[in-house]
């Protein structure tokens, strides 16, 4: 077991119900510290979207008719938020959890009062926090450097963001459940990442996609996420179909992860 996890494991003789809660808090802090020690994950999921924001801001100063009178950077901000959420949830987290199982860490925790389920909770909490921080960095950079408007409907934006994060984290748990090793989890995450980001509009803005691709995008997890985030950014309430798709994906992925997840 890595030394970093040792302080969070209470002895079996303690029955104080406060100890598991305290252990969960320590595990969340520990998992967050471990995530911060992964420079590739942090760069790819947090720094790279901000860099893309800056590049697009410098390259797209004029409004474009085919984007509904918006600048390229205005339409890309929701896509970059989806990028960050997917990077942490579908590529970083599954690799960590599958590696824990591969090294029998989850199995060892099963005989302690902490239990392996709290490791899952700590991973989810730590990655959700990083998704929120990355989102704040993207929004702040866009607004301060390139005058990208702040979300016009804050409540709707928060709802869309949380549904996006929940769906992606649930998908990440499913990848961790199915992957036989940490290396395999990373490969599966990468295979999922690129087609999902295509339909999110990373390479071709969704507004300029052919009509058929736009329709397909609406029914993909990140296509629905970007639509909901874009609607709330412009001050509207997201389309019910987008929110329904995100909710459905979150439930389906979570249920499948619960069914197939193995502790050893």
Foldseek 3Di string as FASTA:
>chain_A
DDPLLVVLFDDQVDDPPVSLVVSLVSLLVSLLVVVVVDVVLCCQQFVVLLVVLVVQLVVWQAFDVLVVRHTPSLLCLLLSLLRNLLSLQQAPLLLVLQACLVVLVQVVQCPTPNHSVSNLVSSLVSSVVSSVVSSVSSQVSCCPVRNRAAFQAVVLLVLLSVLSNLLSNLLNLLLSLPANHSVSSNVVSVVVSVVLSVLLQPPHRLSPDPPVSVVVSCLGSNSLSSQSNSQRSVNHRGDPSSSVSSVVSSVVSNVNSVVRHDSD
